[in-house]
Amino acid sequence: MKVITFDDIANLHLDAQNIFEWIKESFKSKAETYLPPKTSMHNGSTFINVMPCILPKENIAGVKVVSRFPDRIPTLNSEILVYDYSTGNLKALMDGNYITALRTGAVAALCVETLAVKNYSEIGVIGFGNITRKTLDLLFAVMEKRPITVKLYNYKNHFDLLKQRYSHYDHIEFQAVDTYDDVVRDSDVIISAITRAEKDFCSDDCFKRGCLVVPIHTLGFQNCDLFFDKFVVDDIGHVQGFKYYNEFKQVTELTDILTGKMPGRVSNNERIMAYCIGIAIHDMYFSNKIYEALESVANEISLNPPTEKYWA
């Protein structure tokens, strides 16, 4: 069994174009995978989520375990187990934190490139943590180079960090704004990755016709569920429990858009909500690609399992 650490993965310096292809291919293969519902165990603000998945085409099966413990730093943590699907042998124990940020950011960037109006020019951003950074890293790397404006909700030192991280993009103008209304109003794309929202960010009239909203943690935009034109999701099961799910005008899985079974954006006036938060398929697909890249150099351990029938 290989042991692949956070640093092992971070030090790969994965190419953005490859990551973008991985996320597209993992979406397209969804119909060929086995994706049971995740199991969630909660105790107050502590939780442990277990996310299993089988990808027969890649000959892997696996499970990601995500946990939140309020007194731990960082609060959230995850590990991934990857199995050889033909033999059942455990191939790798992997850190899941970097992979989670990477694949979640890739999903959000893919939603923008697939669903935003053509030649979108104004992006509103709420939050600038790891997920937002990976989203913008990938989006800026793959999008057509043209003048765009990025407005960031001004919180703590986020705007300075944003400008510093992307200072080499001379075609992007960065603006700090002080209200959520200013983030959303006139934006073609709105990306939010905050993990807590007490109420909706702004009123219905802030959302221009043709806008795309990508709420990575699904928070702060519940009012949009009642008037947006289309809802694109990574898995229908993720959203069926939403309060206003039965009010959605149209629901489409992103997989069906990418494979050509369903249309994506059909007009420049269509307001689209992308409730795509990432599923275990993405974790397993990315884990397998990373395993292949590190297989020859990763540390290996054995649990010394029995090799024949035994009596306890």
Protein backbone atom coordinates (compact mmCIF):
# COMPACT_ATOMS: atom_id res chain seq x y z
CA MET A 1 0.00 0.00 0.00
CA LYS A 2 1.36 3.41 -0.99
CA VAL A 3 1.09 6.29 1.47
CA ILE A 4 0.66 9.59 -0.37
CA THR A 5 0.85 12.72 1.74
CA PHE A 6 -0.43 16.27 1.36
CA ASP A 7 3.06 17.48 0.45
CA ASP A 8 3.52 14.68 -2.09
CA ILE A 9 0.43 15.90 -3.95
CA ALA A 10 1.08 19.64 -3.57
CA ASN A 11 4.64 19.23 -4.86
CA LEU A 12 3.43 17.67 -8.10
CA HIS A 13 2.49 21.17 -9.36
CA LEU A 14 -0.20 19.70 -11.58
CA ASP A 15 -0.87 21.34 -14.93
CA ALA A 16 -4.14 23.29 -15.09
CA GLN A 17 -5.07 21.97 -18.53
CA ASN A 18 -4.67 18.37 -17.31
CA ILE A 19 -6.79 19.08 -14.25
CA PHE A 20 -9.48 20.61 -16.44
CA GLU A 21 -9.51 17.50 -18.63
CA TRP A 22 -9.69 15.23 -15.57
CA ILE A 23 -12.78 16.97 -14.24
CA LYS A 24 -14.52 16.85 -17.64
CA GLU A 25 -13.73 13.17 -18.10
CA SER A 26 -14.86 12.27 -14.59
CA PHE A 27 -18.20 14.00 -15.22
CA LYS A 28 -18.65 12.28 -18.57
CA SER A 29 -18.04 8.85 -17.01
CA LYS A 30 -20.72 9.29 -14.31
CA ALA A 31 -23.19 6.91 -15.97
CA GLU A 32 -20.59 4.12 -15.85
CA THR A 33 -19.83 4.49 -12.14
CA TYR A 34 -21.42 3.28 -8.93
CA LEU A 35 -22.13 6.21 -6.61
CA PRO A 36 -24.03 5.33 -3.42
CA PRO A 37 -25.28 8.16 -1.21
CA LYS A 38 -22.74 9.40 1.30
CA THR A 39 -23.19 8.48 4.96
CA SER A 40 -23.16 11.41 7.38
CA MET A 41 -22.66 11.07 11.13
CA HIS A 42 -23.31 14.25 13.08
CA ASN A 43 -22.90 15.21 16.73
CA GLY A 44 -23.46 18.91 17.19
CA SER A 45 -20.88 20.79 15.13
CA THR A 46 -18.80 17.64 14.68
CA PHE A 47 -19.38 15.37 11.70
CA ILE A 48 -17.84 12.48 9.80
CA ASN A 49 -18.93 11.88 6.19
CA VAL A 50 -18.15 8.67 4.33
CA MET A 51 -18.23 8.91 0.51
CA PRO A 52 -17.86 5.61 -1.41
CA CYS A 53 -17.53 5.16 -5.16
CA ILE A 54 -16.59 2.58 -7.81
CA LEU A 55 -15.12 3.49 -11.20
CA PRO A 56 -15.07 0.20 -13.17
CA LYS A 57 -13.54 1.79 -16.27
CA GLU A 58 -10.55 2.97 -14.21
CA ASN A 59 -10.49 -0.34 -12.30
CA ILE A 60 -10.65 1.40 -8.93
CA ALA A 61 -12.95 1.58 -5.97
CA GLY A 62 -12.56 3.75 -2.96
CA VAL A 63 -13.89 5.86 -0.17
CA LYS A 64 -13.23 9.37 1.07
CA VAL A 65 -13.73 10.18 4.75
CA VAL A 66 -14.31 13.84 5.54
CA SER A 67 -14.48 15.02 9.13
CA ARG A 68 -15.04 18.25 11.01
CA PHE A 69 -13.88 18.71 14.59
CA PRO A 70 -14.23 22.30 15.86
CA ASP A 71 -11.15 22.22 18.12
CA ARG A 72 -8.85 20.77 15.46
CA ILE A 73 -6.65 22.90 13.21
CA PRO A 74 -7.66 22.84 10.45
CA THR A 75 -11.24 22.09 11.39
CA LEU A 76 -11.88 20.05 8.24
CA ASN A 77 -9.80 17.06 7.25
CA SER A 78 -10.11 14.17 4.79
CA GLU A 79 -8.43 10.91 3.81
CA ILE A 80 -8.93 8.70 0.76
CA LEU A 81 -8.57 4.93 0.38
CA VAL A 82 -8.04 3.63 -3.17
CA TYR A 83 -8.57 -0.06 -4.04
CA ASP A 84 -7.79 -2.15 -7.09
CA TYR A 85 -11.31 -3.08 -8.22
CA SER A 86 -10.26 -6.35 -9.89
CA THR A 87 -8.42 -7.76 -6.86
CA GLY A 88 -9.74 -5.83 -3.88
CA ASN A 89 -6.18 -4.95 -2.84
CA LEU A 90 -5.65 -1.63 -1.13
CA LYS A 91 -3.49 0.47 -3.45
CA ALA A 92 -3.11 3.67 -1.48
CA LEU A 93 -3.92 5.70 1.59
CA MET A 94 -3.92 9.33 0.48
CA ASP A 95 -4.37 12.72 2.04
CA GLY A 96 -7.68 14.07 0.80
CA ASN A 97 -7.36 17.74 1.62
CA TYR A 98 -5.44 18.97 -1.40
CA ILE A 99 -7.45 16.72 -3.72
CA THR A 100 -10.72 18.08 -2.31
CA ALA A 101 -9.68 21.70 -2.90
CA LEU A 102 -8.38 20.83 -6.36
CA ARG A 103 -11.40 18.94 -7.63
CA THR A 104 -13.91 21.34 -6.05
CA GLY A 105 -12.19 24.30 -7.67
CA ALA A 106 -12.07 22.41 -10.97
CA VAL A 107 -15.82 21.72 -10.81
CA ALA A 108 -16.56 25.41 -10.23
CA ALA A 109 -14.23 26.52 -13.04
CA LEU A 110 -15.81 23.99 -15.41
CA CYS A 111 -19.28 25.32 -14.53
CA VAL A 112 -18.18 28.83 -15.45
CA GLU A 113 -16.59 27.82 -18.75
CA THR A 114 -19.60 25.64 -19.66
CA LEU A 115 -22.55 27.73 -18.48
CA ALA A 116 -21.60 31.43 -18.44
CA VAL A 117 -22.64 33.76 -21.23
CA LYS A 118 -20.16 33.91 -24.09
CA ASN A 119 -17.41 36.48 -23.54
CA TYR A 120 -18.45 37.11 -19.94
CA SER A 121 -16.50 40.09 -18.64
CA GLU A 122 -17.40 40.65 -14.99
CA ILE A 123 -16.98 38.15 -12.15
CA GLY A 124 -18.17 38.74 -8.59
CA VAL A 125 -16.45 36.74 -5.86
CA ILE A 126 -17.41 36.16 -2.22
CA GLY A 127 -14.75 34.51 -0.06
CA PHE A 128 -11.09 33.89 -0.84
CA GLY A 129 -10.15 30.64 0.86
CA ASN A 130 -8.53 27.55 -0.64
CA ILE A 131 -11.51 26.58 -2.79
CA THR A 132 -11.87 30.04 -4.34
CA ARG A 133 -8.14 30.19 -5.00
CA LYS A 134 -8.13 26.87 -6.81
CA THR A 135 -11.25 27.90 -8.75
CA LEU A 136 -9.65 31.12 -9.97
CA ASP A 137 -6.26 29.45 -10.55
CA LEU A 138 -7.85 27.01 -12.96
CA LEU A 139 -10.34 29.43 -14.51
CA PHE A 140 -7.72 32.08 -15.30
CA ALA A 141 -5.41 29.40 -16.73
CA VAL A 142 -7.94 27.92 -19.17
CA MET A 143 -10.16 30.84 -20.14
CA GLU A 144 -9.64 32.87 -23.28
CA LYS A 145 -7.35 35.82 -22.60
CA ARG A 146 -9.47 38.96 -22.76
CA PRO A 147 -10.18 41.94 -20.49
CA ILE A 148 -12.25 40.97 -17.45
CA THR A 149 -13.08 42.56 -14.12
CA VAL A 150 -13.06 40.60 -10.88
CA LYS A 151 -14.90 42.14 -7.93
CA LEU A 152 -14.13 40.70 -4.49
CA TYR A 153 -16.14 41.27 -1.33
CA ASN A 154 -13.74 43.23 0.87
CA TYR A 155 -13.10 41.09 3.95
CA LYS A 156 -9.98 41.29 6.13
CA ASN A 157 -6.91 41.20 3.82
CA HIS A 158 -8.50 39.11 1.06
CA PHE A 159 -8.25 41.79 -1.60
CA ASP A 160 -4.51 42.28 -1.07
CA LEU A 161 -4.00 38.51 -1.25
CA LEU A 162 -6.06 38.33 -4.44
CA LYS A 163 -4.06 41.04 -6.18
CA GLN A 164 -0.76 39.53 -5.07
CA ARG A 165 -1.64 36.01 -6.23
CA TYR A 166 -2.76 37.08 -9.70
CA SER A 167 -0.55 40.11 -10.32
CA HIS A 168 0.91 38.45 -13.44
CA TYR A 169 -2.48 38.64 -15.23
CA ASP A 170 -2.30 42.05 -16.86
CA HIS A 171 -5.65 41.62 -18.63
CA ILE A 172 -7.61 41.28 -15.38
CA GLU A 173 -8.75 44.27 -13.33
CA PHE A 174 -9.38 43.62 -9.63
CA GLN A 175 -11.81 45.67 -7.57
CA ALA A 176 -12.68 45.57 -3.86
CA VAL A 177 -16.34 46.17 -3.05
CA ASP A 178 -17.94 46.64 0.35
CA THR A 179 -21.37 45.06 -0.03
CA TYR A 180 -22.77 41.81 -1.37
CA ASP A 181 -25.08 43.85 -3.58
CA ASP A 182 -22.05 45.37 -5.28
CA VAL A 183 -20.50 41.94 -5.79
CA VAL A 184 -23.60 40.58 -7.50
CA ARG A 185 -25.05 43.54 -9.37
CA ASP A 186 -23.95 43.69 -13.04
CA SER A 187 -21.81 40.54 -12.66
CA ASP A 188 -22.03 37.94 -15.43
CA VAL A 189 -20.67 35.29 -13.07
CA ILE A 190 -20.97 35.14 -9.27
CA ILE A 191 -18.76 32.68 -7.36
CA SER A 192 -19.16 32.13 -3.63
CA ALA A 193 -17.22 29.72 -1.44
CA ILE A 194 -18.08 30.82 2.06
CA THR A 195 -19.08 28.13 4.54
CA ARG A 196 -21.56 30.12 6.60
CA ALA A 197 -24.43 32.40 5.62
CA GLU A 198 -27.17 33.51 8.00
CA LYS A 199 -29.45 34.71 5.21
CA ASP A 200 -29.56 35.37 1.46
CA PHE A 201 -26.84 37.73 0.29
CA CYS A 202 -28.99 40.15 -1.68
CA SER A 203 -32.41 40.78 -3.20
CA ASP A 204 -33.70 39.32 -6.45
CA ASP A 205 -33.23 42.53 -8.44
CA CYS A 206 -29.42 42.35 -8.01
CA PHE A 207 -29.15 39.39 -10.38
CA LYS A 208 -28.93 40.57 -13.98
CA ARG A 209 -30.50 38.55 -16.77
CA GLY A 210 -28.05 36.03 -18.15
CA CYS A 211 -26.00 35.71 -14.97
CA LEU A 212 -24.50 32.47 -13.69
CA VAL A 213 -24.26 31.79 -9.94
CA VAL A 214 -21.80 29.18 -8.65
CA PRO A 215 -22.38 28.80 -4.89
CA ILE A 216 -19.73 26.19 -4.10
CA HIS A 217 -21.14 25.46 -0.64
CA THR A 218 -24.75 26.17 -1.77
CA LEU A 219 -25.23 28.96 0.80
CA GLY A 220 -26.66 32.46 0.51
CA PHE A 221 -28.72 32.23 -2.67
CA GLN A 222 -31.90 30.44 -1.61
CA ASN A 223 -34.07 33.25 -2.94
CA CYS A 224 -32.74 32.49 -6.43
CA ASP A 225 -34.31 29.02 -6.25
CA LEU A 226 -37.70 30.65 -6.79
CA PHE A 227 -36.99 32.64 -9.95
CA PHE A 228 -33.87 31.41 -11.76
CA ASP A 229 -34.47 29.75 -15.11
CA LYS A 230 -32.24 26.68 -14.90
CA PHE A 231 -30.46 24.66 -12.23
CA VAL A 232 -27.44 22.60 -13.23
CA VAL A 233 -26.30 20.00 -10.69
CA ASP A 234 -23.63 17.33 -10.43
CA ASP A 235 -26.11 14.84 -8.98
CA ILE A 236 -29.89 15.16 -8.66
CA GLY A 237 -29.76 13.45 -5.28
CA HIS A 238 -27.70 16.32 -3.89
CA VAL A 239 -30.49 18.85 -4.34
CA GLN A 240 -33.72 16.90 -3.90
CA GLY A 241 -33.74 17.79 -0.21
CA PHE A 242 -33.44 21.53 -0.84
CA LYS A 243 -36.33 23.56 0.56
CA TYR A 244 -37.46 24.87 -2.82
CA TYR A 245 -36.43 21.94 -5.01
CA ASN A 246 -40.01 21.44 -6.23
CA GLU A 247 -40.05 25.08 -7.34
CA PHE A 248 -37.04 24.71 -9.66
CA LYS A 249 -38.11 25.56 -13.20
CA GLN A 250 -35.66 23.16 -14.85
CA VAL A 251 -33.00 20.81 -13.44
CA THR A 252 -30.22 19.30 -15.54
CA GLU A 253 -27.16 17.28 -14.57
CA LEU A 254 -23.89 18.74 -15.81
CA THR A 255 -22.93 15.29 -17.10
CA ASP A 256 -25.82 15.37 -19.57
CA ILE A 257 -24.72 18.78 -20.85
CA LEU A 258 -21.11 17.70 -21.29
CA THR A 259 -22.14 14.53 -23.15
CA GLY A 260 -24.57 16.41 -25.40
CA LYS A 261 -27.73 14.75 -24.09
CA MET A 262 -29.15 18.03 -22.81
CA PRO A 263 -28.56 21.66 -23.77
CA GLY A 264 -26.61 23.94 -21.50
CA ARG A 265 -27.20 27.67 -21.80
CA VAL A 266 -29.80 28.36 -24.48
CA SER A 267 -29.96 32.16 -24.32
CA ASN A 268 -28.08 35.19 -23.03
CA ASN A 269 -31.06 36.03 -20.82
CA GLU A 270 -31.13 32.74 -18.96
CA ARG A 271 -30.26 32.97 -15.26
CA ILE A 272 -28.50 29.74 -14.28
CA MET A 273 -27.67 28.34 -10.85
CA ALA A 274 -24.87 25.75 -10.71
CA TYR A 275 -25.35 23.57 -7.65
CA CYS A 276 -22.26 21.45 -8.37
CA ILE A 277 -20.36 20.82 -5.15
CA GLY A 278 -18.34 17.78 -6.18
CA ILE A 279 -18.99 14.07 -5.75
CA ALA A 280 -16.88 11.05 -4.84
CA ILE A 281 -16.40 10.23 -8.53
CA HIS A 282 -14.16 13.29 -8.79
CA ASP A 283 -12.17 12.34 -5.70
CA MET A 284 -11.55 8.82 -6.98
CA TYR A 285 -10.70 9.92 -10.52
CA PHE A 286 -8.22 12.54 -9.29
CA SER A 287 -6.79 10.14 -6.70
CA ASN A 288 -6.11 7.54 -9.35
CA LYS A 289 -4.36 10.03 -11.64
CA ILE A 290 -2.24 11.25 -8.75
CA TYR A 291 -1.49 7.68 -7.68
CA GLU A 292 -0.23 6.93 -11.19
CA ALA A 293 2.02 9.99 -11.06
CA LEU A 294 3.50 9.07 -7.67
CA GLU A 295 3.39 5.26 -7.69
CA SER A 296 7.12 4.83 -8.34
CA VAL A 297 8.27 7.27 -5.65
CA ALA A 298 5.63 7.14 -2.88
CA ASN A 299 6.41 5.46 0.41
CA GLU A 300 5.02 1.97 0.81
CA ILE A 301 3.88 0.08 3.89
CA SER A 302 2.20 -3.26 4.46
CA LEU A 303 -0.46 -4.16 6.98
CA ASN A 304 0.72 -7.76 6.68
CA PRO A 305 -2.75 -9.13 5.94
CA PRO A 306 -3.25 -12.91 5.97
CA THR A 307 -2.53 -14.62 2.65
CA GLU A 308 -4.62 -17.72 3.36
CA LYS A 309 -7.72 -18.65 5.32
CA TYR A 310 -7.20 -18.16 9.04
CA TRP A 311 -8.95 -18.91 12.31
CA ALA A 312 -9.07 -16.14 14.89
